[in-house]
Structures are given as C-alpha cells and as structure tokens.
Amino acid sequence: MPSIFIFTLLAWQFGFSQEETNGVDEEAVVASQNLTYEANQELRSNDFINAEVDYRKAISKNPENVAAPYNLGRAYYNRESLGEAFNRFKQAGEKAIDKSVKHRAYHNMGNVYMKNKEYEKAVEAYKEALRNNPNDEETRYNLALAKELLKKQQDEQKNDQNQDDQKEQDQEEQKDQNQDQNNEGENDQNDEGEQNDEQNKDKGDEGDKGNDKPEENKEGEGDKKKEQEQQPNKGDRPDEKKQPRPNQLSKQQIQNLLEAMQNEEKKVQEKLEAKKVKGAKVKNEKDW
C-alpha cells in the first residue's frame, strides 16, 4: 500500500443545476451566480480577500447556491484554514442535490479529517463520497489509506494504554512492596520493643528481690519511728520534771539526805573528839 497521501481537492467551479434555483427569486439567483463567477476569477488571480467577499455575497443572495460555499471551502483548504474549509464543504454537501456534487463535497471533507488525523471520521466521509460515486478511484484509494492509518492509530493507542496499565500496575506493586517493607519494619520494632520490655521486667523483678532487706529495715525503722511518735515528747508534759522517775530522788529529798549525812558526820566527829579527851593520859601531881 503506497504511503503517499492523495488529498486532491475535487474542483467544481462553474456548474449550476436546475434544483439550485427552486424557491429563490430569479434575479437573486442570477446575481449569486455572477458573484460566484467573479470570485472564481479573483481566486485565479490570487486575490483571496476579494474572492472571499464575493463568495459570501453569493451565498447571501442565494443560500441554495452550492458552488459558492464549495469553492470557498477549497480556497480555505489551500490556505490551511481547515476549520473554515470543513464548514463550507459540509454546507455544500448538505445543500447539494446532484450526487456528483455530494461526492466532491464528502471527498474533500474526508481530506480535512485526514489532515487532522481523525482517521475514523475520514473513513466515514470517504464512504459517503463513494456512495454518491462508487467509481472514483481516488476516493477509493483515500478510503483504503484512511483504514490503514486508523488501524495503526488504534494499535498505538492500545499499546499506549497497555503501557499505562502496566505502569500503573508496577506502581501499585511497588506501593504494596513498600507497604510490606514498612509493615515488616514496624513488626521488627514491635518485637524488639516487647523483648526490651521483657528484659526490663526481669531486671525490675531482680531489683525488687535485692531491695527486700532494705525494705524490712525501712519497715523496722518505720515501726520504731511510730513507737517514738506514740511516746509523748519531753516538752509536751510540764509535770515531768516534778514527778521523779522510779528509784530517782527529788531535789528536796537529796537536800534532806545531805543534811542528815552532815548531822551524822557531825555526831561521829563529836564522838571521836570525846574519845580523844577521855583516853588522854592525865598527869597526876605528886606530893614529894
């Protein structure tokens, strides 16, 4: 299959069928035909601006004039104004009654679709052109080319879609893999944390055993302290000094006892003195 595009515009510049004048004032029809002729001449002279004006005037004078929009569409197409060209070809194809005119209009509409790489629409346009003229080889060739390019386009789109799907799947798998790794890391951390908790718990139990004796000491001290708290303070009982403890003499008793001892000692001294006097040798005076 040749890869050369055949986008030849099928020209039709001077033919006007009888059906194009039905329901339109004859004077307006004639004026529209004259304007179309003048526009064709201006277009041949590369005077596109005046040609466009006269084509529009011709269409305004007689909306059933098919030649004016068709030729204006060809002028737009040659200047790459594809949107304007398509609208004028469509206008001509819808208004045309003659099959040859319809064939040319849809053939050129197919060319616009091919330029825009809208191959599916181009296929339909060429098929419509062939319905009005099945013997046109140029239209048949363009139809075959449009089908081939459409298949290629669809395959590329399918491959692109498969690549996008594969890419999305890979991203999902990578996401799941990362999530699994994160979960494993969290589980490892949790296991390590539980192990540390068990170790700390064991250490805590050992610490409790090591503190049994100090706790008993503390408890003993607490009991002793409690007993001391229960005992009244010295300063709390002012009569404590006045009331001697058992086996303890009061101050007055001590004073009496000292006085008694002094009296006894005095008596003993007196007795000793008396004995000294009584036992002393007396010198008897003799008469010689």
Protein backbone atom coordinates (compact mmCIF):
# COMPACT_ATOMS: atom_id res chain seq x y z
CA MET A 1 0.00 0.00 0.00
CA PRO A 2 1.55 3.33 -1.03
CA SER A 3 2.12 5.75 1.82
CA ILE A 4 1.53 8.90 -0.29
CA PHE A 5 -1.50 10.94 0.70
CA ILE A 6 -3.87 11.81 -2.10
CA PHE A 7 -5.61 14.90 -0.83
CA THR A 8 -6.54 16.33 -4.19
CA LEU A 9 -9.49 18.64 -3.97
CA LEU A 10 -12.14 17.79 -6.50
CA ALA A 11 -12.86 21.05 -8.27
CA TRP A 12 -16.28 22.19 -9.36
CA GLN A 13 -16.49 25.84 -10.20
CA PHE A 14 -18.98 26.62 -12.92
CA GLY A 15 -21.80 24.10 -12.84
CA PHE A 16 -25.22 25.14 -11.51
CA SER A 17 -28.04 22.62 -11.54
CA GLN A 18 -31.71 23.44 -12.03
CA GLU A 19 -32.59 22.39 -8.47
CA GLU A 20 -30.42 25.17 -7.02
CA THR A 21 -32.84 27.85 -8.25
CA ASN A 22 -36.05 26.35 -6.86
CA GLY A 23 -37.85 28.62 -4.41
CA VAL A 24 -35.43 31.54 -4.91
CA ASP A 25 -36.05 34.81 -6.78
CA GLU A 26 -34.64 34.50 -10.28
CA GLU A 27 -32.92 37.88 -10.08
CA ALA A 28 -31.21 36.87 -6.82
CA VAL A 29 -30.17 33.59 -8.36
CA VAL A 30 -28.58 35.36 -11.31
CA ALA A 31 -26.80 37.83 -9.02
CA SER A 32 -25.48 34.94 -6.91
CA GLN A 33 -24.20 33.17 -10.00
CA ASN A 34 -22.44 36.32 -11.24
CA LEU A 35 -20.81 36.90 -7.84
CA THR A 36 -19.60 33.31 -7.81
CA TYR A 37 -18.10 33.69 -11.25
CA GLU A 38 -16.31 36.92 -10.25
CA ALA A 39 -14.98 35.27 -7.08
CA ASN A 40 -13.64 32.38 -9.16
CA GLN A 41 -11.79 34.80 -11.38
CA GLU A 42 -10.36 36.70 -8.39
CA LEU A 43 -9.25 33.45 -6.85
CA ARG A 44 -7.38 32.52 -10.02
CA SER A 45 -5.62 35.89 -9.74
CA ASN A 46 -4.63 35.08 -6.14
CA ASP A 47 -6.92 37.84 -4.87
CA PHE A 48 -8.23 35.83 -1.98
CA ILE A 49 -9.62 38.76 0.01
CA ASN A 50 -11.99 39.97 -2.75
CA ALA A 51 -12.79 36.39 -3.73
CA GLU A 52 -13.85 35.58 -0.16
CA VAL A 53 -16.07 38.69 -0.08
CA ASP A 54 -17.80 37.82 -3.36
CA TYR A 55 -18.32 34.18 -2.35
CA ARG A 56 -20.01 35.30 0.85
CA LYS A 57 -22.21 37.74 -1.08
CA ALA A 58 -23.16 34.98 -3.49
CA ILE A 59 -24.18 32.67 -0.63
CA SER A 60 -26.17 35.50 0.95
CA LYS A 61 -28.03 36.20 -2.30
CA ASN A 62 -28.92 32.54 -2.83
CA PRO A 63 -28.48 30.11 0.10
CA GLU A 64 -29.15 27.27 -2.36
CA ASN A 65 -26.01 28.17 -4.34
CA VAL A 66 -23.76 25.16 -3.81
CA ALA A 67 -20.83 26.25 -6.00
CA ALA A 68 -20.02 29.32 -3.84
CA PRO A 69 -19.54 27.52 -0.49
CA TYR A 70 -17.79 24.60 -2.21
CA ASN A 71 -15.23 26.81 -3.98
CA LEU A 72 -14.79 28.98 -0.87
CA GLY A 73 -14.06 25.78 1.05
CA ARG A 74 -11.36 24.88 -1.47
CA ALA A 75 -9.82 28.36 -1.02
CA TYR A 76 -9.74 27.95 2.76
CA TYR A 77 -8.30 24.43 2.44
CA ASN A 78 -5.41 25.63 0.28
CA ARG A 79 -4.58 28.21 2.96
CA GLU A 80 -4.67 25.61 5.76
CA SER A 81 -7.81 27.12 7.28
CA LEU A 82 -9.14 23.63 7.81
CA GLY A 83 -11.99 24.53 10.16
CA GLU A 84 -13.45 27.09 7.75
CA ALA A 85 -12.88 24.74 4.81
CA PHE A 86 -14.72 21.87 6.51
CA ASN A 87 -17.74 24.05 7.33
CA ARG A 88 -18.03 25.19 3.70
CA PHE A 89 -17.67 21.65 2.30
CA LYS A 90 -20.31 20.44 4.73
CA GLN A 91 -22.61 23.30 3.72
CA ALA A 92 -22.23 22.39 0.05
CA GLY A 93 -22.70 18.66 0.67
CA GLU A 94 -25.91 19.19 2.67
CA LYS A 95 -27.40 21.59 0.11
CA ALA A 96 -26.38 19.65 -2.97
CA ILE A 97 -28.94 17.51 -4.76
CA ASP A 98 -26.67 16.33 -7.54
CA LYS A 99 -24.74 13.20 -6.50
CA SER A 100 -21.57 14.33 -8.22
CA VAL A 101 -21.57 17.48 -6.08
CA LYS A 102 -22.18 15.47 -2.91
CA HIS A 103 -19.35 13.14 -3.90
CA ARG A 104 -16.90 16.01 -4.26
CA ALA A 105 -18.01 17.68 -1.00
CA TYR A 106 -17.66 14.50 1.13
CA HIS A 107 -14.39 13.57 -0.55
CA ASN A 108 -12.93 16.93 0.47
CA MET A 109 -14.43 16.62 3.97
CA GLY A 110 -12.52 13.33 4.22
CA ASN A 111 -9.34 15.16 3.24
CA VAL A 112 -9.83 17.63 6.09
CA TYR A 113 -10.25 14.74 8.53
CA MET A 114 -7.06 13.15 7.22
CA LYS A 115 -5.15 16.39 7.77
CA ASN A 116 -6.37 16.46 11.36
CA LYS A 117 -5.50 12.73 11.83
CA GLU A 118 -9.16 11.98 12.55
CA TYR A 119 -8.95 8.77 10.56
CA GLU A 120 -12.18 7.21 11.79
CA LYS A 121 -14.19 10.22 10.63
CA ALA A 122 -12.23 10.30 7.38
CA VAL A 123 -13.26 6.69 6.70
CA GLU A 124 -16.93 7.61 7.11
CA ALA A 125 -16.60 10.69 4.89
CA TYR A 126 -14.92 8.72 2.08
CA LYS A 127 -17.56 6.01 2.36
CA GLU A 128 -20.29 8.67 1.92
CA ALA A 129 -18.43 10.06 -1.10
CA LEU A 130 -18.28 6.58 -2.68
CA ARG A 131 -22.00 6.07 -2.11
CA ASN A 132 -22.56 9.02 -4.43
CA ASN A 133 -19.86 7.95 -6.92
CA PRO A 134 -18.66 4.35 -6.48
CA ASN A 135 -16.34 4.59 -9.48
CA ASP A 136 -13.99 7.28 -8.20
CA GLU A 137 -10.60 5.56 -7.75
CA GLU A 138 -9.07 8.50 -5.96
CA THR A 139 -11.71 8.40 -3.23
CA ARG A 140 -11.36 4.60 -3.01
CA TYR A 141 -7.61 4.92 -2.53
CA ASN A 142 -8.01 7.53 0.18
CA LEU A 143 -10.53 5.27 1.93
CA ALA A 144 -8.06 2.36 1.97
CA LEU A 145 -5.30 4.64 3.26
CA ALA A 146 -7.58 6.04 5.97
CA LYS A 147 -8.42 2.49 7.13
CA GLU A 148 -4.74 1.56 7.30
CA LEU A 149 -3.84 4.66 9.29
CA LEU A 150 -6.84 4.13 11.57
CA LYS A 151 -5.68 0.59 12.39
CA LYS A 152 -2.17 1.83 13.07
CA GLN A 153 -3.54 4.59 15.30
CA GLN A 154 -5.72 2.17 17.22
CA ASP A 155 -2.78 -0.21 17.72
CA GLU A 156 -0.64 2.64 19.02
CA GLN A 157 -3.39 3.74 21.35
CA LYS A 158 -3.80 0.17 22.56
CA ASN A 159 -0.07 -0.14 23.17
CA ASP A 160 -0.04 3.19 24.97
CA GLN A 161 -2.97 2.04 27.09
CA ASN A 162 -1.22 -1.24 27.85
CA GLN A 163 1.92 0.64 28.82
CA ASP A 164 -0.10 2.95 31.04
CA ASP A 165 -1.85 -0.04 32.61
CA GLN A 166 1.48 -1.81 33.11
CA LYS A 167 3.00 1.32 34.58
CA GLU A 168 0.05 1.72 36.93
CA GLN A 169 0.30 -1.95 37.89
CA ASP A 170 4.03 -1.60 38.54
CA GLN A 171 3.37 1.43 40.69
CA GLU A 172 0.73 -0.46 42.66
CA GLU A 173 3.08 -3.42 43.13
CA GLN A 174 5.88 -1.10 44.22
CA LYS A 175 3.49 0.61 46.58
CA ASP A 176 2.41 -2.72 48.03
CA GLN A 177 6.04 -3.81 48.34
CA ASN A 178 6.95 -0.62 50.15
CA GLN A 179 3.96 -1.08 52.42
CA ASP A 180 5.01 -4.64 53.18
CA GLN A 181 8.53 -3.48 53.99
CA ASN A 182 7.18 -0.78 56.25
CA ASN A 183 4.94 -3.31 57.99
CA GLU A 184 7.87 -5.68 58.45
CA GLY A 185 9.95 -2.86 59.89
CA GLU A 186 7.17 -1.93 62.28
CA ASN A 187 6.77 -5.58 63.33
CA ASP A 188 10.52 -5.86 63.96
CA GLN A 189 10.41 -2.71 66.05
CA ASN A 190 7.42 -4.02 67.97
CA ASP A 191 9.17 -7.36 68.59
CA GLU A 192 12.30 -5.57 69.74
CA GLY A 193 10.25 -3.33 71.96
CA GLU A 194 8.47 -6.31 73.50
CA GLN A 195 11.81 -8.03 74.06
CA ASN A 196 13.15 -4.92 75.77
CA ASP A 197 10.03 -4.76 77.88
CA GLU A 198 10.53 -8.37 78.97
CA GLN A 199 14.18 -7.68 79.79
CA ASN A 200 13.28 -4.56 81.73
CA LYS A 201 10.60 -6.51 83.54
CA ASP A 202 13.13 -9.18 84.54
CA LYS A 203 15.51 -6.52 85.74
CA GLY A 204 12.73 -4.95 87.69
CA ASP A 205 11.94 -8.26 89.39
CA GLU A 206 15.61 -8.70 90.34
CA GLY A 207 15.67 -5.19 91.72
CA ASP A 208 12.68 -5.99 93.92
CA LYS A 209 14.47 -9.05 95.34
CA GLY A 210 17.58 -7.04 96.05
CA ASN A 211 15.54 -4.48 97.98
CA ASP A 212 13.77 -6.99 100.26
CA LYS A 213 16.15 -6.43 103.20
CA PRO A 214 16.26 -2.64 102.93
CA GLU A 215 12.52 -2.62 102.81
CA GLU A 216 12.40 -4.66 106.01
CA ASN A 217 14.85 -2.21 107.58
CA LYS A 218 12.72 0.59 106.42
CA GLU A 219 9.69 -1.12 107.85
CA GLY A 220 11.53 -1.62 111.21
CA GLU A 221 12.57 1.96 111.22
CA GLY A 222 9.06 2.87 110.47
CA ASP A 223 7.76 0.85 113.40
CA LYS A 224 10.40 2.35 115.70
CA LYS A 225 9.57 5.76 114.48
CA LYS A 226 5.93 5.01 115.01
CA GLU A 227 6.58 3.98 118.60
CA GLN A 228 8.55 7.14 119.13
CA GLU A 229 5.72 9.19 117.72
CA GLN A 230 3.32 7.45 120.06
CA GLN A 231 5.53 8.36 123.08
CA PRO A 232 4.98 11.89 124.37
CA ASN A 233 7.72 14.42 123.89
CA LYS A 234 9.53 15.78 126.93
CA GLY A 235 8.38 19.22 126.17
CA ASP A 236 4.76 18.14 125.90
CA ARG A 237 4.48 17.26 129.71
CA PRO A 238 5.46 20.15 132.00
CA ASP A 239 4.89 17.99 135.12
CA GLU A 240 7.52 15.52 134.03
CA LYS A 241 10.31 17.29 136.00
CA LYS A 242 8.20 17.40 139.13
CA GLN A 243 7.39 13.70 139.03
CA PRO A 244 10.58 11.70 139.63
CA ARG A 245 11.04 8.52 137.83
CA PRO A 246 11.19 5.27 139.78
CA ASN A 247 14.41 4.95 142.01
CA GLN A 248 15.14 8.62 141.44
CA LEU A 249 15.25 11.11 144.47
CA SER A 250 13.82 14.51 144.26
CA LYS A 251 15.88 17.59 144.94
CA GLN A 252 14.34 18.11 148.36
CA GLN A 253 14.94 14.51 149.30
CA ILE A 254 18.57 14.84 148.25
CA GLN A 255 18.86 18.03 150.33
CA ASN A 256 17.37 16.30 153.36
CA LEU A 257 19.62 13.34 152.88
CA LEU A 258 22.70 15.58 152.70
CA GLU A 259 21.67 17.37 155.85
CA ALA A 260 21.11 14.03 157.60
CA MET A 261 24.52 12.84 156.49
CA GLN A 262 26.11 16.04 157.70
CA ASN A 263 24.38 15.62 161.06
CA GLU A 264 25.56 12.04 161.32
CA GLU A 265 29.09 13.07 160.41
CA LYS A 266 28.93 15.79 163.00
CA LYS A 267 27.82 13.32 165.61
CA VAL A 268 30.62 10.96 164.62
CA GLN A 269 33.12 13.82 164.90
CA GLU A 270 31.83 14.70 168.27
CA LYS A 271 32.12 11.12 169.44
CA LEU A 272 35.67 10.94 168.14
CA GLU A 273 36.54 14.11 169.94
CA ALA A 274 35.00 12.74 173.10
CA LYS A 275 37.03 9.57 172.90
CA LYS A 276 40.22 11.55 172.39
CA VAL A 277 39.55 13.52 175.50
CA LYS A 278 38.59 10.50 177.53
CA GLY A 279 41.63 8.44 176.53
CA ALA A 280 44.25 11.12 177.07
CA LYS A 281 46.83 10.44 179.92
CA VAL A 282 46.40 12.80 182.84
CA LYS A 283 49.49 13.72 184.68
CA ASN A 284 48.88 13.26 188.40
CA GLU A 285 50.65 15.71 190.53
CA LYS A 286 52.50 14.04 193.45
CA ASP A 287 53.31 15.43 196.62
CA TRP A 288 57.03 14.96 197.17
